[in-house]
Protein backbone atom coordinates (compact mmCIF):
# COMPACT_ATOMS: atom_id res chain seq x y z
CA MET A 1 -45.35 -3.77 52.39
CA ASP A 2 -42.19 -5.76 51.72
CA THR A 3 -39.11 -5.18 53.83
CA GLN A 4 -36.55 -2.79 52.39
CA LEU A 5 -32.78 -2.56 52.62
CA TYR A 6 -30.96 0.71 53.26
CA ILE A 7 -27.28 1.57 53.62
CA GLY A 8 -26.12 4.26 56.03
CA ILE A 9 -22.70 5.87 55.58
CA MET A 10 -20.94 7.80 58.34
CA SER A 11 -17.55 9.44 58.61
CA GLY A 12 -17.20 11.23 61.93
CA THR A 13 -15.18 14.00 63.54
CA SER A 14 -12.29 11.62 64.18
CA MET A 15 -11.82 11.36 60.40
CA ASP A 16 -10.51 7.80 60.58
CA GLY A 17 -12.56 6.45 57.68
CA ALA A 18 -15.99 5.58 56.30
CA ASP A 19 -18.41 3.14 57.92
CA ALA A 20 -21.27 1.64 55.92
CA VAL A 21 -24.03 -0.38 57.60
CA LEU A 22 -26.76 -2.39 55.91
CA ILE A 23 -30.11 -2.17 57.69
CA ARG A 24 -33.50 -3.78 57.08
CA MET A 25 -36.71 -1.80 57.57
CA HIS A 26 -40.45 -2.45 57.17
CA GLY A 27 -41.69 1.00 56.25
CA THR A 28 -40.48 3.06 59.20
CA ARG A 29 -40.26 0.07 61.53
CA TRP A 30 -36.74 -1.05 62.35
CA LEU A 31 -36.02 -4.73 61.84
CA ALA A 32 -32.25 -5.23 62.04
CA ALA A 33 -28.74 -4.10 61.21
CA GLN A 34 -27.31 -6.86 59.07
CA ALA A 35 -23.75 -6.06 58.03
CA HIS A 36 -20.93 -3.52 58.20
CA ALA A 37 -18.00 -2.46 56.04
CA PHE A 38 -15.21 0.04 56.75
CA LEU A 39 -12.53 1.70 54.65
CA PRO A 40 -9.89 3.91 56.29
CA TYR A 41 -9.01 7.38 55.05
CA PRO A 42 -5.58 7.63 53.42
CA GLN A 43 -3.41 9.91 55.55
CA ARG A 44 -3.20 12.51 52.77
CA LEU A 45 -7.00 12.73 52.59
CA LYS A 46 -7.27 13.16 56.35
CA THR A 47 -4.58 15.84 56.35
CA GLU A 48 -6.31 17.79 53.58
CA LEU A 49 -9.70 17.50 55.31
CA LEU A 50 -8.23 18.78 58.56
CA ALA A 51 -6.72 21.73 56.70
CA LEU A 52 -10.24 22.77 55.67
CA GLN A 53 -11.20 23.29 59.30
CA ASP A 54 -9.70 26.77 59.01
CA THR A 55 -10.00 29.34 56.26
CA GLY A 56 -7.22 29.08 53.69
CA HIS A 57 -6.11 29.60 50.11
CA ASN A 58 -8.42 28.30 47.37
CA GLU A 59 -10.57 26.47 49.89
CA LEU A 60 -13.71 26.40 47.74
CA HIS A 61 -11.90 24.52 44.98
CA ARG A 62 -10.16 22.24 47.49
CA SER A 63 -13.44 21.40 49.21
CA MET A 64 -15.18 20.47 45.96
CA VAL A 65 -12.32 18.23 44.85
CA LEU A 66 -12.22 16.57 48.27
CA ALA A 67 -16.00 16.04 48.19
CA GLN A 68 -15.54 14.07 44.98
CA GLU A 69 -12.67 12.05 46.45
CA LEU A 70 -14.69 11.31 49.58
CA SER A 71 -17.65 10.16 47.52
CA ARG A 72 -15.47 7.77 45.55
CA LEU A 73 -14.25 6.28 48.83
CA TYR A 74 -17.86 6.10 50.09
CA ALA A 75 -18.81 4.29 46.90
CA GLN A 76 -15.96 1.83 47.38
CA THR A 77 -17.22 1.17 50.92
CA VAL A 78 -20.73 0.54 49.62
CA GLY A 79 -19.32 -1.75 46.94
CA LEU A 80 -17.40 -3.71 49.57
CA LEU A 81 -20.54 -4.10 51.68
CA LEU A 82 -22.62 -5.25 48.71
CA SER A 83 -19.94 -7.72 47.64
CA GLN A 84 -19.68 -9.18 51.14
CA GLN A 85 -23.46 -9.66 51.27
CA GLN A 86 -23.79 -10.81 47.65
CA LEU A 87 -26.30 -8.04 46.92
CA GLU A 88 -26.97 -5.98 43.81
CA PRO A 89 -27.53 -2.19 43.85
CA ALA A 90 -31.13 -2.70 42.71
CA GLN A 91 -31.86 -4.49 45.99
CA ILE A 92 -31.07 -1.36 48.05
CA ARG A 93 -33.90 1.15 48.45
CA ALA A 94 -31.62 4.08 49.30
CA ILE A 95 -28.31 5.20 50.74
CA GLY A 96 -28.25 7.72 53.59
CA CYS A 97 -24.91 9.56 53.63
CA HIS A 98 -23.91 11.96 56.39
CA GLY A 99 -20.77 13.29 54.66
CA GLN A 100 -17.65 14.61 56.35
CA THR A 101 -18.12 17.62 58.61
CA ILE A 102 -15.52 20.32 57.95
CA ARG A 103 -17.28 23.34 59.50
CA HIS A 104 -20.05 23.42 62.07
CA ALA A 105 -21.34 26.93 62.74
CA PRO A 106 -24.92 26.76 64.03
CA GLU A 107 -24.53 30.30 65.39
CA SER A 108 -24.40 31.34 61.71
CA ALA A 109 -27.08 28.80 60.71
CA TYR A 110 -24.85 26.54 58.63
CA SER A 111 -22.95 23.27 58.90
CA ILE A 112 -20.86 21.84 56.05
CA GLN A 113 -20.66 18.11 55.42
CA LEU A 114 -18.58 17.30 52.35
CA ALA A 115 -20.01 14.78 49.89
CA ASP A 116 -20.78 14.89 46.20
CA LEU A 117 -24.17 13.22 46.51
CA PRO A 118 -25.06 13.07 42.79
CA LEU A 119 -21.66 11.50 42.12
CA LEU A 120 -22.17 8.98 44.92
CA ALA A 121 -25.61 8.05 43.56
CA GLY A 122 -24.16 7.58 40.10
CA LEU A 123 -21.17 5.55 41.23
CA CYS A 124 -23.30 3.23 43.37
CA GLY A 125 -26.32 3.04 41.09
CA ILE A 126 -28.50 3.63 44.17
CA PHE A 127 -30.85 6.49 45.10
CA THR A 128 -28.87 8.59 47.60
CA ILE A 129 -30.04 10.93 50.36
CA GLY A 130 -27.79 13.38 52.18
CA ASP A 131 -27.48 16.95 53.49
CA PHE A 132 -29.43 15.95 56.59
CA ARG A 133 -28.50 18.94 58.74
CA SER A 134 -29.62 21.86 56.56
CA ARG A 135 -33.39 21.55 57.06
CA ASP A 136 -33.04 21.48 60.83
CA LEU A 137 -30.78 24.54 60.72
CA ALA A 138 -33.30 26.33 58.51
CA ALA A 139 -35.93 25.65 61.20
CA GLY A 140 -33.75 27.35 63.81
CA GLY A 141 -32.04 24.24 65.13
CA GLN A 142 -28.41 23.39 65.71
CA GLY A 143 -28.40 20.73 62.99
CA ALA A 144 -26.88 18.40 65.59
CA PRO A 145 -26.98 15.98 67.18
CA LEU A 146 -29.26 14.16 64.76
CA VAL A 147 -29.12 10.73 66.39
CA PRO A 148 -31.49 11.14 69.42
CA ALA A 149 -34.59 10.37 67.31
CA PHE A 150 -32.92 7.19 66.04
CA HIS A 151 -31.84 6.25 69.56
CA GLN A 152 -35.40 6.75 70.78
CA ALA A 153 -36.81 4.60 67.97
CA LEU A 154 -34.47 1.72 68.83
CA PHE A 155 -33.51 2.02 72.48
CA HIS A 156 -36.44 3.67 74.29
CA SER A 157 -37.75 1.88 77.38
CA ALA A 158 -41.18 2.35 78.93
CA ASP A 159 -39.70 1.48 82.33
CA GLU A 160 -36.64 3.69 82.76
CA THR A 161 -34.74 6.74 81.57
CA ARG A 162 -31.85 5.63 79.41
CA VAL A 163 -28.86 7.59 78.15
CA VAL A 164 -27.10 6.67 74.92
CA LEU A 165 -23.55 8.00 74.89
CA ASN A 166 -21.75 8.25 71.57
CA ILE A 167 -18.00 8.85 71.87
CA GLY A 168 -16.50 9.86 68.57
CA GLY A 169 -14.24 12.85 68.05
CA ILE A 170 -16.97 14.76 69.87
CA ALA A 171 -19.06 13.07 72.56
CA ASN A 172 -22.82 13.43 72.61
CA ILE A 173 -25.64 12.06 74.73
CA SER A 174 -29.25 11.19 73.96
CA VAL A 175 -31.55 11.25 76.97
CA LEU A 176 -34.50 8.88 76.52
CA PRO A 177 -37.16 9.32 79.23
CA PRO A 178 -39.94 6.72 79.38
CA ASP A 179 -42.69 9.33 78.98
CA ALA A 180 -41.24 12.28 77.04
CA PRO A 181 -39.49 13.02 73.72
CA ALA A 182 -35.77 12.38 73.39
CA SER A 183 -33.33 15.19 74.05
CA GLY A 184 -29.60 15.39 73.62
CA PHE A 185 -26.55 17.50 72.93
CA ASP A 186 -22.80 17.44 72.44
CA THR A 187 -21.04 17.19 75.79
CA GLY A 188 -17.65 18.30 74.41
CA PRO A 189 -14.54 16.44 73.25
CA GLY A 190 -14.64 12.68 73.09
CA ASN A 191 -11.55 11.25 71.37
CA MET A 192 -10.66 14.35 69.40
CA LEU A 193 -8.14 16.06 71.64
CA MET A 194 -6.55 12.78 72.71
CA ASP A 195 -6.14 11.80 69.06
CA ALA A 196 -4.73 15.20 68.15
CA TRP A 197 -2.17 14.98 70.99
CA MET A 198 -1.17 11.46 69.94
CA GLN A 199 -0.56 12.66 66.39
CA HIS A 200 1.27 15.76 67.58
CA ILE A 201 3.64 13.96 69.98
CA TRP A 202 3.91 10.34 68.80
CA GLN A 203 2.70 10.56 65.16
CA GLN A 204 0.14 7.87 65.94
CA PRO A 205 -3.57 8.20 65.07
CA TYR A 206 -4.90 7.28 68.50
CA ASP A 207 -3.98 5.86 71.91
CA LYS A 208 -4.63 2.13 71.54
CA ASN A 209 -6.57 0.88 74.56
CA GLY A 210 -5.61 4.11 76.39
CA ASP A 211 -2.21 2.55 77.16
CA LYS A 212 -0.19 5.76 76.93
CA ALA A 213 -2.69 7.76 78.98
CA ALA A 214 -2.50 5.07 81.67
CA GLN A 215 1.21 5.85 82.04
CA GLY A 216 0.51 9.46 83.02
CA LYS A 217 -1.15 11.35 85.85
CA VAL A 218 -3.80 14.06 85.86
CA LEU A 219 -2.52 17.65 85.88
CA PRO A 220 -5.11 19.43 88.06
CA LYS A 221 -4.36 22.98 86.85
CA LEU A 222 -4.57 21.97 83.22
CA LEU A 223 -7.79 20.04 83.81
CA ALA A 224 -9.32 23.06 85.55
CA ALA A 225 -8.26 25.39 82.73
CA LEU A 226 -9.73 23.16 80.03
CA SER A 227 -12.94 22.64 81.99
CA ALA A 228 -13.41 26.41 82.35
CA HIS A 229 -14.35 26.69 78.65
CA ALA A 230 -17.57 28.67 78.29
CA TYR A 231 -19.18 25.89 76.23
CA PHE A 232 -19.76 23.77 79.32
CA LYS A 233 -21.84 26.50 80.95
CA LEU A 234 -24.19 26.81 77.97
CA PRO A 235 -27.61 25.19 78.33
CA PRO A 236 -28.83 22.78 75.66
CA PRO A 237 -29.55 22.78 72.79
CA LYS A 238 -25.89 23.01 71.88
CA SER A 239 -23.39 21.36 69.57
CA THR A 240 -19.69 21.76 68.91
CA GLY A 241 -16.66 20.55 66.98
CA ARG A 242 -13.05 21.29 66.08
CA GLU A 243 -13.93 24.98 65.81
CA LEU A 244 -13.84 25.20 69.62
CA PHE A 245 -11.74 22.25 70.76
CA SER A 246 -8.68 22.20 68.51
CA LEU A 247 -5.05 21.24 69.03
CA ASP A 248 -4.16 24.96 68.92
CA TRP A 249 -6.65 25.59 71.74
CA LEU A 250 -4.98 22.87 73.81
CA LEU A 251 -1.45 24.11 73.07
CA ALA A 252 -2.43 27.58 74.28
CA HIS A 253 -2.96 26.05 77.75
CA LEU A 254 0.48 24.38 77.88
CA ASN A 255 3.85 25.83 78.82
CA GLY A 256 5.88 23.12 77.07
CA SER A 257 7.35 21.55 80.19
CA GLU A 258 4.54 19.04 80.75
CA ASN A 259 5.15 15.31 80.52
CA PRO A 260 3.35 14.19 77.32
CA HIS A 261 1.82 11.18 79.08
CA ASP A 262 0.44 13.48 81.79
CA VAL A 263 -1.15 15.73 79.18
CA LEU A 264 -2.77 12.71 77.54
CA ARG A 265 -4.02 11.38 80.87
CA THR A 266 -5.47 14.82 81.64
CA LEU A 267 -7.24 14.92 78.29
CA LEU A 268 -8.76 11.53 79.04
CA GLU A 269 -9.98 12.82 82.40
CA PHE A 270 -11.30 15.95 80.70
CA SER A 271 -13.47 13.85 78.38
CA ALA A 272 -14.66 11.61 81.22
CA GLU A 273 -15.49 14.55 83.51
CA THR A 274 -17.39 16.59 80.94
CA ILE A 275 -19.36 13.54 79.79
CA THR A 276 -20.37 12.48 83.28
CA ALA A 277 -21.11 16.05 84.41
CA ALA A 278 -23.55 16.38 81.50
CA ILE A 279 -25.25 13.11 82.43
CA PHE A 280 -25.52 14.04 86.10
CA MET A 281 -27.00 17.46 85.29
CA HIS A 282 -29.38 16.56 82.46
CA ALA A 283 -30.25 12.90 83.09
CA ALA A 284 -30.18 12.62 86.86
CA ALA A 285 -32.88 9.94 86.84
CA THR A 286 -30.98 7.51 84.66
CA ARG A 287 -29.49 4.31 85.98
CA SER A 288 -28.31 2.97 82.61
CA VAL A 289 -25.88 4.49 80.11
CA TYR A 290 -25.30 2.68 76.81
CA VAL A 291 -22.11 3.63 75.00
CA CYS A 292 -21.25 3.45 71.28
CA GLY A 293 -18.64 4.92 68.95
CA GLY A 294 -14.88 4.55 68.65
CA GLY A 295 -14.26 5.67 72.22
CA ILE A 296 -15.52 2.34 73.49
CA ARG A 297 -12.19 0.85 72.37
CA ASN A 298 -10.28 3.12 74.77
CA HIS A 299 -10.24 0.83 77.81
CA ALA A 300 -8.77 3.48 80.11
CA LEU A 301 -11.54 5.91 79.21
CA MET A 302 -14.20 3.25 79.74
CA GLU A 303 -12.77 2.44 83.16
CA ARG A 304 -12.88 6.10 84.20
CA LEU A 305 -16.43 6.50 82.97
CA GLN A 306 -17.53 3.33 84.70
CA HIS A 307 -15.93 4.45 87.98
CA LYS A 308 -17.41 7.96 87.86
CA LEU A 309 -20.90 6.74 86.91
CA ALA A 310 -20.85 4.05 89.60
CA GLU A 311 -20.49 6.81 92.21
CA ARG A 312 -24.07 7.81 91.26
CA ASN A 313 -25.27 4.20 91.00
CA ILE A 314 -25.36 4.35 87.20
CA ARG A 315 -24.39 1.29 85.16
CA LEU A 316 -22.35 1.54 81.96
CA HIS A 317 -23.19 -0.84 79.10
CA SER A 318 -22.34 -1.24 75.43
CA THR A 319 -25.18 -0.78 72.94
CA ALA A 320 -24.46 -4.42 72.09
CA ALA A 321 -26.66 -5.14 75.14
CA LEU A 322 -29.49 -3.55 73.10
CA LYS A 323 -28.64 -5.68 70.06
CA LEU A 324 -26.70 -3.11 68.03
CA ASP A 325 -22.92 -3.24 67.69
CA PRO A 326 -21.40 -0.01 69.13
CA GLN A 327 -19.32 0.50 65.97
CA TRP A 328 -22.42 0.30 63.77
CA VAL A 329 -24.74 2.73 65.54
CA GLU A 330 -23.99 6.05 63.84
CA ALA A 331 -23.88 4.72 60.29
CA ALA A 332 -27.07 2.76 60.95
CA ALA A 333 -28.71 6.00 62.07
CA PHE A 334 -28.24 7.53 58.62
CA GLY A 335 -29.73 4.46 56.97
CA TRP A 336 -32.71 4.96 59.28
CA LEU A 337 -32.90 8.66 58.38
CA ALA A 338 -32.91 7.66 54.71
CA ALA A 339 -35.92 5.44 55.44
CA CYS A 340 -37.61 8.39 57.17
CA TRP A 341 -37.06 10.50 54.03
CA VAL A 342 -38.43 7.81 51.72
CA ASN A 343 -41.52 7.44 53.92
CA ARG A 344 -41.93 11.21 54.43
CA ILE A 345 -41.47 11.01 58.18
CA PRO A 346 -39.82 13.86 60.12
CA GLY A 347 -36.45 12.67 61.42
CA ASN A 348 -35.03 15.62 63.29
CA PRO A 349 -35.08 15.39 67.09
CA HIS A 350 -36.22 19.02 67.35
CA HIS A 351 -36.46 18.88 71.13
CA ALA A 352 -32.72 18.16 71.07
CA THR A 353 -31.58 20.47 68.27
CA GLY A 354 -33.78 23.42 69.20
CA ALA A 355 -35.55 23.55 65.82
CA ALA A 356 -38.97 25.18 65.80
CA LYS A 357 -40.67 22.09 64.42
CA ALA A 358 -40.21 18.51 63.29
CA CYS A 359 -38.85 18.32 59.73
CA ILE A 360 -38.18 15.76 57.04
CA LEU A 361 -34.40 15.82 56.74
CA GLY A 362 -32.28 15.47 53.63
CA ALA A 363 -32.21 15.84 49.88
CA GLY A 364 -32.42 12.94 47.41
CA TYR A 365 -30.54 12.20 44.19
CA TYR A 366 -31.43 9.56 41.64
CA ALA A 367 -28.70 7.30 40.27
């Protein structure tokens, strides 16, 4: 069998833009991630996507129009990647597109990721696979996180338990024991609340390097109130999103007199504490945590995680140490899931999602 090229597309909870990663596979065997392209969301698009998090006027029409707009941006990202690599659409076996999550309600057995997949296939001229969560949900799972099976395929070690920590808007962990299937779940907010506070107070999309948070101090009462959320007491499998951890939820815990830098610093501590508490409880044997996602660029957050993990003799690494750029991991995962679909291989980590069985994930559309 010849090697095949796939493109994975991911736009996460942070809603900062679309990542596309070119991967090379031999059947279902991973060979390499070869290239990456990124296009940011225009602010208007991000604002309109955020507005769909809550019920509102004419939302069905708005969501369909936004799905088309998203797919045009996804197609532009794919075009940029192909141009950079001097490739033609016919050289790509398939695209795997996650879409943009606007509602995640596993308690009601649905999760909505916006994308007009037939349009994307037509615009790119490439067979396109998407809607990866629905089959897992239909089998009784949470539909998330979907990445533990990919993490196990790439990062598993026969000698140690590893944890892969993805910090996007939501943070999630994959626990990879040497002698058991992968498990994993969403630990709670990653960057999401910090980003929302930055936009609310300073009209900036995120706290570059964690510089503003570093100017504040932790507010113990606020930290305790946030940490008392019932989500953290739930056992896995579990997954979450903006439905639980929104700006409005944060504002309900504030009296308005707090120093904005202190609130931001407390939100950083909140993310660090909930992440490390999940690792300590569910991966006590690990001595190595490999981090990926946008949160790796928040130096203050990385320092807190490193300090807290070191107290348990756990080392913090980038997934770059495992030969995959931390900014490429999630998009690459959906290229890998596309390869699983093409080769009729179950791709859902059902031990992590809680699904009753392993399933082939996704639906395919010809160009």
